[in-house]
Amino acid sequence: MKIVAKYYEQLMKVRGVEIIYGPMPDDLLRNPAEELFDRFIEPYRPYLSDNRVFDRTNTILATDNLIPPEFTYDIFKTCMEYAIKVNWGTSIFA
């Protein structure tokens, strides 16, 4: 999450994103940017909070040991620009 927050700050030209671990208090006051970020991250929350380790044996065999690229800012930016271009998630909140 720290990497995603750092890339988000860089892409959106904002500062001060703070990652809060654990349950969110019901009385937590958030500014509009925080509410927007929280709304957009909601569908991904289960994936970001899962700490399981997966056995890659079959994946390695099926892909001839193909290793995915490191998650970089350029990859993040490309994904976010595509999401914005196609209005990704619009139907989720409609």
PDB file of N, CA and C in Angstrom:
ATOM      1  N   MET A   1       0.822  -1.203   0.000  1.00  0.00           N
ATOM      2  CA  MET A   1       0.000   0.000   0.000  1.00  0.00           C
ATOM      3  C   MET A   1       0.859   1.258   0.000  1.00  0.00           C
ATOM      4  N   LYS A   2       2.002   1.201   0.691  1.00  0.00           N
ATOM      5  CA  LYS A   2       2.860   2.378   0.715  1.00  0.00           C
ATOM      6  C   LYS A   2       3.327   2.753  -0.687  1.00  0.00           C
ATOM      7  N   ILE A   3       3.633   1.747  -1.491  1.00  0.00           N
ATOM      8  CA  ILE A   3       4.073   2.016  -2.863  1.00  0.00           C
ATOM      9  C   ILE A   3       2.928   2.596  -3.684  1.00  0.00           C
ATOM     10  N   VAL A   4       1.727   2.026  -3.553  1.00  0.00           N
ATOM     11  CA  VAL A   4       0.565   2.537  -4.292  1.00  0.00           C
ATOM     12  C   VAL A   4       0.281   3.980  -3.878  1.00  0.00           C
ATOM     13  N   ALA A   5       0.335   4.259  -2.585  1.00  0.00           N
ATOM     14  CA  ALA A   5       0.091   5.629  -2.102  1.00  0.00           C
ATOM     15  C   ALA A   5       1.148   6.591  -2.641  1.00  0.00           C
ATOM     16  N   LYS A   6       2.383   6.157  -2.651  1.00  0.00           N
ATOM     17  CA  LYS A   6       3.472   7.006  -3.167  1.00  0.00           C
ATOM     18  C   LYS A   6       3.253   7.307  -4.649  1.00  0.00           C
ATOM     19  N   TYR A   7       2.907   6.276  -5.425  1.00  0.00           N
ATOM     20  CA  TYR A   7       2.662   6.475  -6.852  1.00  0.00           C
ATOM     21  C   TYR A   7       1.431   7.346  -7.074  1.00  0.00           C
ATOM     22  N   TYR A   8       0.403   7.148  -6.261  1.00  0.00           N
ATOM     23  CA  TYR A   8      -0.821   7.961  -6.346  1.00  0.00           C
ATOM     24  C   TYR A   8      -0.489   9.436  -6.113  1.00  0.00           C
ATOM     25  N   GLU A   9       0.294   9.709  -5.071  1.00  0.00           N
ATOM     26  CA  GLU A   9       0.687  11.097  -4.782  1.00  0.00           C
ATOM     27  C   GLU A   9       1.420  11.699  -5.974  1.00  0.00           C
ATOM     28  N   GLN A  10       2.322  10.935  -6.542  1.00  0.00           N
ATOM     29  CA  GLN A  10       3.107  11.428  -7.673  1.00  0.00           C
ATOM     30  C   GLN A  10       2.216  11.689  -8.887  1.00  0.00           C
ATOM     31  N   LEU A  11       1.328  10.756  -9.213  1.00  0.00           N
ATOM     32  CA  LEU A  11       0.473  10.899 -10.387  1.00  0.00           C
ATOM     33  C   LEU A  11      -0.526  12.035 -10.228  1.00  0.00           C
ATOM     34  N   MET A  12      -1.154  12.121  -9.066  1.00  0.00           N
ATOM     35  CA  MET A  12      -2.205  13.110  -8.844  1.00  0.00           C
ATOM     36  C   MET A  12      -1.684  14.441  -8.307  1.00  0.00           C
ATOM     37  N   LYS A  13      -0.367  14.492  -8.089  1.00  0.00           N
ATOM     38  CA  LYS A  13       0.283  15.721  -7.603  1.00  0.00           C
ATOM     39  C   LYS A  13      -0.335  16.187  -6.279  1.00  0.00           C
ATOM     40  N   VAL A  14      -0.451  15.236  -5.340  1.00  0.00           N
ATOM     41  CA  VAL A  14      -0.927  15.525  -3.994  1.00  0.00           C
ATOM     42  C   VAL A  14       0.135  15.063  -3.001  1.00  0.00           C
ATOM     43  N   ARG A  15       0.021  15.534  -1.793  1.00  0.00           N
ATOM     44  CA  ARG A  15       0.968  15.136  -0.751  1.00  0.00           C
ATOM     45  C   ARG A  15       0.206  14.785   0.512  1.00  0.00           C
ATOM     46  N   GLY A  16       0.828  13.951   1.341  1.00  0.00           N
ATOM     47  CA  GLY A  16       0.272  13.684   2.647  1.00  0.00           C
ATOM     48  C   GLY A  16      -0.653  12.485   2.742  1.00  0.00           C
ATOM     49  N   VAL A  17      -0.645  11.596   1.744  1.00  0.00           N
ATOM     50  CA  VAL A  17      -1.468  10.390   1.843  1.00  0.00           C
ATOM     51  C   VAL A  17      -0.900   9.532   2.974  1.00  0.00           C
ATOM     52  N   GLU A  18      -1.762   9.148   3.884  1.00  0.00           N
ATOM     53  CA  GLU A  18      -1.336   8.345   5.031  1.00  0.00           C
ATOM     54  C   GLU A  18      -2.069   7.011   5.006  1.00  0.00           C
ATOM     55  N   ILE A  19      -1.327   5.943   5.152  1.00  0.00           N
ATOM     56  CA  ILE A  19      -1.915   4.608   5.175  1.00  0.00           C
ATOM     57  C   ILE A  19      -2.274   4.284   6.622  1.00  0.00           C
ATOM     58  N   ILE A  20      -3.524   3.894   6.849  1.00  0.00           N
ATOM     59  CA  ILE A  20      -3.986   3.511   8.183  1.00  0.00           C
ATOM     60  C   ILE A  20      -4.278   2.023   8.150  1.00  0.00           C
ATOM     61  N   TYR A  21      -3.569   1.279   8.982  1.00  0.00           N
ATOM     62  CA  TYR A  21      -3.762  -0.167   9.042  1.00  0.00           C
ATOM     63  C   TYR A  21      -4.766  -0.502  10.129  1.00  0.00           C
ATOM     64  N   GLY A  22      -5.572  -1.520   9.881  1.00  0.00           N
ATOM     65  CA  GLY A  22      -6.573  -1.930  10.853  1.00  0.00           C
ATOM     66  C   GLY A  22      -7.929  -1.371  10.488  1.00  0.00           C
ATOM     67  N   PRO A  23      -8.918  -1.686  11.302  1.00  0.00           N
ATOM     68  CA  PRO A  23     -10.281  -1.204  11.020  1.00  0.00           C
ATOM     69  C   PRO A  23     -10.355   0.321  11.072  1.00  0.00           C
ATOM     70  N   MET A  24     -11.162   0.879  10.182  1.00  0.00           N
ATOM     71  CA  MET A  24     -11.353   2.320  10.154  1.00  0.00           C
ATOM     72  C   MET A  24     -12.373   2.726  11.208  1.00  0.00           C
ATOM     73  N   PRO A  25     -12.037   3.694  12.039  1.00  0.00           N
ATOM     74  CA  PRO A  25     -13.012   4.157  13.031  1.00  0.00           C
ATOM     75  C   PRO A  25     -14.249   4.742  12.346  1.00  0.00           C
ATOM     76  N   ASP A  26     -15.417   4.522  12.937  1.00  0.00           N
ATOM     77  CA  ASP A  26     -16.666   5.049  12.363  1.00  0.00           C
ATOM     78  C   ASP A  26     -16.699   6.572  12.344  1.00  0.00           C
ATOM     79  N   ASP A  27     -16.012   7.200  13.299  1.00  0.00           N
ATOM     80  CA  ASP A  27     -16.060   8.663  13.414  1.00  0.00           C
ATOM     81  C   ASP A  27     -14.872   9.353  12.740  1.00  0.00           C
ATOM     82  N   LEU A  28     -14.151   8.638  11.877  1.00  0.00           N
ATOM     83  CA  LEU A  28     -12.991   9.210  11.201  1.00  0.00           C
ATOM     84  C   LEU A  28     -13.441  10.287  10.220  1.00  0.00           C
ATOM     85  N   LEU A  29     -12.920  11.485  10.373  1.00  0.00           N
ATOM     86  CA  LEU A  29     -13.235  12.585   9.456  1.00  0.00           C
ATOM     87  C   LEU A  29     -12.207  12.583   8.325  1.00  0.00           C
ATOM     88  N   ARG A  30     -12.709  12.560   7.098  1.00  0.00           N
ATOM     89  CA  ARG A  30     -11.824  12.552   5.942  1.00  0.00           C
ATOM     90  C   ARG A  30     -12.127  13.743   5.054  1.00  0.00           C
ATOM     91  N   ASN A  31     -11.090  14.256   4.402  1.00  0.00           N
ATOM     92  CA  ASN A  31     -11.293  15.353   3.460  1.00  0.00           C
ATOM     93  C   ASN A  31     -11.765  14.761   2.126  1.00  0.00           C
ATOM     94  N   PRO A  32     -12.194  15.585   1.179  1.00  0.00           N
ATOM     95  CA  PRO A  32     -12.716  15.069  -0.096  1.00  0.00           C
ATOM     96  C   PRO A  32     -11.736  14.162  -0.847  1.00  0.00           C
ATOM     97  N   ALA A  33     -10.451  14.494  -0.838  1.00  0.00           N
ATOM     98  CA  ALA A  33      -9.463  13.655  -1.531  1.00  0.00           C
ATOM     99  C   ALA A  33      -9.374  12.278  -0.874  1.00  0.00           C
ATOM    100  N   GLU A  34      -9.430  12.241   0.450  1.00  0.00           N
ATOM    101  CA  GLU A  34      -9.380  10.961   1.160  1.00  0.00           C
ATOM    102  C   GLU A  34     -10.624  10.124   0.882  1.00  0.00           C
ATOM    103  N   GLU A  35     -11.769  10.768   0.849  1.00  0.00           N
ATOM    104  CA  GLU A  35     -13.007  10.048   0.552  1.00  0.00           C
ATOM    105  C   GLU A  35     -12.969   9.471  -0.864  1.00  0.00           C
ATOM    106  N   LEU A  36     -12.452  10.243  -1.806  1.00  0.00           N
ATOM    107  CA  LEU A  36     -12.355   9.787  -3.191  1.00  0.00           C
ATOM    108  C   LEU A  36     -11.396   8.602  -3.288  1.00  0.00           C
ATOM    109  N   PHE A  37     -10.239   8.725  -2.676  1.00  0.00           N
ATOM    110  CA  PHE A  37      -9.253   7.642  -2.702  1.00  0.00           C
ATOM    111  C   PHE A  37      -9.842   6.386  -2.065  1.00  0.00           C
ATOM    112  N   ASP A  38     -10.492   6.536  -0.926  1.00  0.00           N
ATOM    113  CA  ASP A  38     -11.083   5.400  -0.229  1.00  0.00           C
ATOM    114  C   ASP A  38     -12.158   4.732  -1.084  1.00  0.00           C
ATOM    115  N   ARG A  39     -12.955   5.534  -1.767  1.00  0.00           N
ATOM    116  CA  ARG A  39     -14.008   4.991  -2.637  1.00  0.00           C
ATOM    117  C   ARG A  39     -13.406   4.194  -3.789  1.00  0.00           C
ATOM    118  N   PHE A  40     -12.337   4.718  -4.388  1.00  0.00           N
ATOM    119  CA  PHE A  40     -11.723   4.037  -5.514  1.00  0.00           C
ATOM    120  C   PHE A  40     -10.962   2.783  -5.097  1.00  0.00           C
ATOM    121  N   ILE A  41     -10.446   2.756  -3.896  1.00  0.00           N
ATOM    122  CA  ILE A  41      -9.657   1.614  -3.443  1.00  0.00           C
ATOM    123  C   ILE A  41     -10.542   0.490  -2.902  1.00  0.00           C
ATOM    124  N   GLU A  42     -11.795   0.778  -2.592  1.00  0.00           N
ATOM    125  CA  GLU A  42     -12.695  -0.200  -1.969  1.00  0.00           C
ATOM    126  C   GLU A  42     -12.768  -1.545  -2.696  1.00  0.00           C
ATOM    127  N   PRO A  43     -12.926  -1.568  -4.029  1.00  0.00           N
ATOM    128  CA  PRO A  43     -13.004  -2.874  -4.697  1.00  0.00           C
ATOM    129  C   PRO A  43     -11.734  -3.717  -4.547  1.00  0.00           C
ATOM    130  N   TYR A  44     -10.614  -3.059  -4.276  1.00  0.00           N
ATOM    131  CA  TYR A  44      -9.335  -3.761  -4.185  1.00  0.00           C
ATOM    132  C   TYR A  44      -8.950  -4.125  -2.750  1.00  0.00           C
ATOM    133  N   ARG A  45      -9.712  -3.644  -1.786  1.00  0.00           N
ATOM    134  CA  ARG A  45      -9.374  -3.842  -0.370  1.00  0.00           C
ATOM    135  C   ARG A  45      -9.119  -5.312  -0.007  1.00  0.00           C
ATOM    136  N   PRO A  46      -9.956  -6.275  -0.463  1.00  0.00           N
ATOM    137  CA  PRO A  46      -9.677  -7.670  -0.106  1.00  0.00           C
ATOM    138  C   PRO A  46      -8.309  -8.155  -0.604  1.00  0.00           C
ATOM    139  N   TYR A  47      -7.899  -7.681  -1.784  1.00  0.00           N
ATOM    140  CA  TYR A  47      -6.619  -8.108  -2.334  1.00  0.00           C
ATOM    141  C   TYR A  47      -5.444  -7.460  -1.594  1.00  0.00           C
ATOM    142  N   LEU A  48      -5.648  -6.256  -1.113  1.00  0.00           N
ATOM    143  CA  LEU A  48      -4.578  -5.526  -0.453  1.00  0.00           C
ATOM    144  C   LEU A  48      -4.385  -5.958   0.996  1.00  0.00           C
ATOM    145  N   SER A  49      -5.380  -6.607   1.559  1.00  0.00           N
ATOM    146  CA  SER A  49      -5.272  -7.001   2.969  1.00  0.00           C
ATOM    147  C   SER A  49      -5.022  -8.492   3.134  1.00  0.00           C
ATOM    148  N   ASP A  50      -4.856  -9.211   2.044  1.00  0.00           N
ATOM    149  CA  ASP A  50      -4.638 -10.653   2.097  1.00  0.00           C
ATOM    150  C   ASP A  50      -3.145 -10.934   2.212  1.00  0.00           C
ATOM    151  N   ASN A  51      -2.759 -11.768   3.157  1.00  0.00           N
ATOM    152  CA  ASN A  51      -1.335 -12.045   3.339  1.00  0.00           C
ATOM    153  C   ASN A  51      -0.970 -13.487   2.996  1.00  0.00           C
ATOM    154  N   ARG A  52      -1.837 -14.162   2.225  1.00  0.00           N
ATOM    155  CA  ARG A  52      -1.517 -15.528   1.818  1.00  0.00           C
ATOM    156  C   ARG A  52      -0.351 -15.542   0.838  1.00  0.00           C
ATOM    157  N   VAL A  53       0.370 -16.645   0.841  1.00  0.00           N
ATOM    158  CA  VAL A  53       1.447 -16.874  -0.115  1.00  0.00           C
ATOM    159  C   VAL A  53       1.004 -18.026  -1.006  1.00  0.00           C
ATOM    160  N   PHE A  54       1.062 -17.821  -2.302  1.00  0.00           N
ATOM    161  CA  PHE A  54       0.566 -18.816  -3.243  1.00  0.00           C
ATOM    162  C   PHE A  54       1.703 -19.674  -3.791  1.00  0.00           C
ATOM    163  N   ASP A  55       1.416 -20.934  -3.996  1.00  0.00           N
ATOM    164  CA  ASP A  55       2.355 -21.873  -4.595  1.00  0.00           C
ATOM    165  C   ASP A  55       2.403 -21.596  -6.097  1.00  0.00           C
ATOM    166  N   ARG A  56       3.561 -21.212  -6.600  1.00  0.00           N
ATOM    167  CA  ARG A  56       3.702 -20.856  -8.014  1.00  0.00           C
ATOM    168  C   ARG A  56       4.197 -22.009  -8.878  1.00  0.00           C
ATOM    169  N   THR A  57       4.235 -23.224  -8.331  1.00  0.00           N
ATOM    170  CA  THR A  57       4.774 -24.363  -9.073  1.00  0.00           C
ATOM    171  C   THR A  57       4.114 -24.522 -10.438  1.00  0.00           C
ATOM    172  N   ASN A  58       2.803 -24.568 -10.498  1.00  0.00           N
ATOM    173  CA  ASN A  58       2.106 -24.754 -11.774  1.00  0.00           C
ATOM    174  C   ASN A  58       2.255 -23.537 -12.682  1.00  0.00           C
ATOM    175  N   THR A  59       2.267 -22.354 -12.100  1.00  0.00           N
ATOM    176  CA  THR A  59       2.458 -21.139 -12.901  1.00  0.00           C
ATOM    177  C   THR A  59       3.838 -21.145 -13.547  1.00  0.00           C
ATOM    178  N   ILE A  60       4.834 -21.523 -12.785  1.00  0.00           N
ATOM    179  CA  ILE A  60       6.202 -21.589 -13.313  1.00  0.00           C
ATOM    180  C   ILE A  60       6.275 -22.597 -14.460  1.00  0.00           C
ATOM    181  N   LEU A  61       5.659 -23.760 -14.271  1.00  0.00           N
ATOM    182  CA  LEU A  61       5.667 -24.786 -15.329  1.00  0.00           C
ATOM    183  C   LEU A  61       4.920 -24.311 -16.572  1.00  0.00           C
ATOM    184  N   ALA A  62       3.776 -23.682 -16.392  1.00  0.00           N
ATOM    185  CA  ALA A  62       2.946 -23.251 -17.529  1.00  0.00           C
ATOM    186  C   ALA A  62       3.548 -22.089 -18.294  1.00  0.00           C
ATOM    187  N   THR A  63       4.369 -21.289 -17.627  1.00  0.00           N
ATOM    188  CA  THR A  63       4.916 -20.089 -18.279  1.00  0.00           C
ATOM    189  C   THR A  63       6.414 -20.182 -18.541  1.00  0.00           C
ATOM    190  N   ASP A  64       6.963 -21.387 -18.392  1.00  0.00           N
ATOM    191  CA  ASP A  64       8.407 -21.575 -18.581  1.00  0.00           C
ATOM    192  C   ASP A  64       9.202 -20.620 -17.684  1.00  0.00           C
ATOM    193  N   ASN A  65       8.728 -20.496 -16.426  1.00  0.00           N
ATOM    194  CA  ASN A  65       9.370 -19.675 -15.397  1.00  0.00           C
ATOM    195  C   ASN A  65       9.374 -18.180 -15.723  1.00  0.00           C
ATOM    196  N   LEU A  66       8.341 -17.728 -16.425  1.00  0.00           N
ATOM    197  CA  LEU A  66       8.194 -16.307 -16.738  1.00  0.00           C
ATOM    198  C   LEU A  66       7.943 -15.528 -15.447  1.00  0.00           C
ATOM    199  N   ILE A  67       8.725 -14.520 -15.193  1.00  0.00           N
ATOM    200  CA  ILE A  67       8.605 -13.708 -13.991  1.00  0.00           C
ATOM    201  C   ILE A  67       7.919 -12.391 -14.359  1.00  0.00           C
ATOM    202  N   PRO A  68       6.851 -12.017 -13.622  1.00  0.00           N
ATOM    203  CA  PRO A  68       6.184 -10.745 -13.935  1.00  0.00           C
ATOM    204  C   PRO A  68       7.115  -9.568 -13.670  1.00  0.00           C
ATOM    205  N   PRO A  69       6.885  -8.461 -14.373  1.00  0.00           N
ATOM    206  CA  PRO A  69       7.751  -7.293 -14.164  1.00  0.00           C
ATOM    207  C   PRO A  69       7.543  -6.695 -12.774  1.00  0.00           C
ATOM    208  N   GLU A  70       8.557  -5.991 -12.300  1.00  0.00           N
ATOM    209  CA  GLU A  70       8.452  -5.280 -11.025  1.00  0.00           C
ATOM    210  C   GLU A  70       7.397  -4.181 -11.172  1.00  0.00           C
ATOM    211  N   PHE A  71       6.631  -3.964 -10.112  1.00  0.00           N
ATOM    212  CA  PHE A  71       5.602  -2.927 -10.123  1.00  0.00           C
ATOM    213  C   PHE A  71       6.286  -1.567  -9.994  1.00  0.00           C
ATOM    214  N   THR A  72       6.344  -0.841 -11.091  1.00  0.00           N
ATOM    215  CA  THR A  72       7.032   0.450 -11.118  1.00  0.00           C
ATOM    216  C   THR A  72       6.024   1.580 -11.290  1.00  0.00           C
ATOM    217  N   TYR A  73       6.503   2.790 -11.125  1.00  0.00           N
ATOM    218  CA  TYR A  73       5.650   3.955 -11.337  1.00  0.00           C
ATOM    219  C   TYR A  73       5.136   3.990 -12.778  1.00  0.00           C
ATOM    220  N   ASP A  74       5.988   3.645 -13.744  1.00  0.00           N
ATOM    221  CA  ASP A  74       5.566   3.674 -15.153  1.00  0.00           C
ATOM    222  C   ASP A  74       4.417   2.695 -15.402  1.00  0.00           C
ATOM    223  N   ILE A  75       4.474   1.520 -14.802  1.00  0.00           N
ATOM    224  CA  ILE A  75       3.384   0.547 -14.948  1.00  0.00           C
ATOM    225  C   ILE A  75       2.125   1.084 -14.285  1.00  0.00           C
ATOM    226  N   PHE A  76       2.260   1.621 -13.071  1.00  0.00           N
ATOM    227  CA  PHE A  76       1.127   2.206 -12.359  1.00  0.00           C
ATOM    228  C   PHE A  76       0.486   3.312 -13.191  1.00  0.00           C
ATOM    229  N   LYS A  77       1.314   4.213 -13.712  1.00  0.00           N
ATOM    230  CA  LYS A  77       0.821   5.353 -14.494  1.00  0.00           C
ATOM    231  C   LYS A  77       0.092   4.877 -15.747  1.00  0.00           C
ATOM    232  N   THR A  78       0.643   3.903 -16.443  1.00  0.00           N
ATOM    233  CA  THR A  78      -0.003   3.364 -17.643  1.00  0.00           C
ATOM    234  C   THR A  78      -1.373   2.787 -17.301  1.00  0.00           C
ATOM    235  N   CYS A  79      -1.446   2.026 -16.216  1.00  0.00           N
ATOM    236  CA  CYS A  79      -2.721   1.434 -15.793  1.00  0.00           C
ATOM    237  C   CYS A  79      -3.731   2.511 -15.413  1.00  0.00           C
ATOM    238  N   MET A  80      -3.310   3.509 -14.667  1.00  0.00           N
ATOM    239  CA  MET A  80      -4.218   4.571 -14.230  1.00  0.00           C
ATOM    240  C   MET A  80      -4.687   5.421 -15.405  1.00  0.00           C
ATOM    241  N   GLU A  81      -3.789   5.717 -16.335  1.00  0.00           N
ATOM    242  CA  GLU A  81      -4.182   6.489 -17.512  1.00  0.00           C
ATOM    243  C   GLU A  81      -5.204   5.719 -18.347  1.00  0.00           C
ATOM    244  N   TYR A  82      -5.016   4.414 -18.466  1.00  0.00           N
ATOM    245  CA  TYR A  82      -5.994   3.596 -19.186  1.00  0.00           C
ATOM    246  C   TYR A  82      -7.331   3.598 -18.451  1.00  0.00           C
ATOM    247  N   ALA A  83      -7.299   3.426 -17.138  1.00  0.00           N
ATOM    248  CA  ALA A  83      -8.526   3.411 -16.334  1.00  0.00           C
ATOM    249  C   ALA A  83      -9.299   4.722 -16.495  1.00  0.00           C
ATOM    250  N   ILE A  84      -8.588   5.824 -16.488  1.00  0.00           N
ATOM    251  CA  ILE A  84      -9.226   7.133 -16.655  1.00  0.00           C
ATOM    252  C   ILE A  84      -9.813   7.257 -18.064  1.00  0.00           C
ATOM    253  N   LYS A  85      -9.051   6.827 -19.051  1.00  0.00           N
ATOM    254  CA  LYS A  85      -9.483   6.933 -20.453  1.00  0.00           C
ATOM    255  C   LYS A  85     -10.785   6.176 -20.708  1.00  0.00           C
ATOM    256  N   VAL A  86     -10.947   5.006 -20.092  1.00  0.00           N
ATOM    257  CA  VAL A  86     -12.132   4.178 -20.357  1.00  0.00           C
ATOM    258  C   VAL A  86     -13.185   4.288 -19.254  1.00  0.00           C
ATOM    259  N   ASN A  87     -13.021   5.278 -18.359  1.00  0.00           N
ATOM    260  CA  ASN A  87     -13.963   5.470 -17.242  1.00  0.00           C
ATOM    261  C   ASN A  87     -14.137   4.196 -16.415  1.00  0.00           C
ATOM    262  N   TRP A  88     -13.027   3.549 -16.122  1.00  0.00           N
ATOM    263  CA  TRP A  88     -13.016   2.306 -15.355  1.00  0.00           C
ATOM    264  C   TRP A  88     -13.740   2.503 -14.026  1.00  0.00           C
ATOM    265  N   GLY A  89     -14.615   1.590 -13.709  1.00  0.00           N
ATOM    266  CA  GLY A  89     -15.304   1.630 -12.439  1.00  0.00           C
ATOM    267  C   GLY A  89     -16.562   2.446 -12.417  1.00  0.00           C
ATOM    268  N   THR A  90     -16.899   3.109 -13.513  1.00  0.00           N
ATOM    269  CA  THR A  90     -18.094   3.945 -13.546  1.00  0.00           C
ATOM    270  C   THR A  90     -19.328   3.149 -13.174  1.00  0.00           C
ATOM    271  N   SER A  91     -19.455   1.934 -13.698  1.00  0.00           N
ATOM    272  CA  SER A  91     -20.630   1.126 -13.423  1.00  0.00           C
ATOM    273  C   SER A  91     -20.686   0.664 -11.965  1.00  0.00           C
ATOM    274  N   ILE A  92     -19.540   0.595 -11.301  1.00  0.00           N
ATOM    275  CA  ILE A  92     -19.514   0.165  -9.894  1.00  0.00           C
ATOM    276  C   ILE A  92     -20.277   1.162  -9.017  1.00  0.00           C
ATOM    277  N   PHE A  93     -20.119   2.454  -9.310  1.00  0.00           N
ATOM    278  CA  PHE A  93     -20.686   3.488  -8.461  1.00  0.00           C
ATOM    279  C   PHE A  93     -21.967   4.087  -9.037  1.00  0.00           C
ATOM    280  N   ALA A  94     -22.420   3.581 -10.158  1.00  0.00           N
ATOM    281  CA  ALA A  94     -23.630   4.140 -10.798  1.00  0.00           C
ATOM    282  C   ALA A  94     -24.887   3.675 -10.112  1.00  0.00           C
TER     283      ALA A  94
END
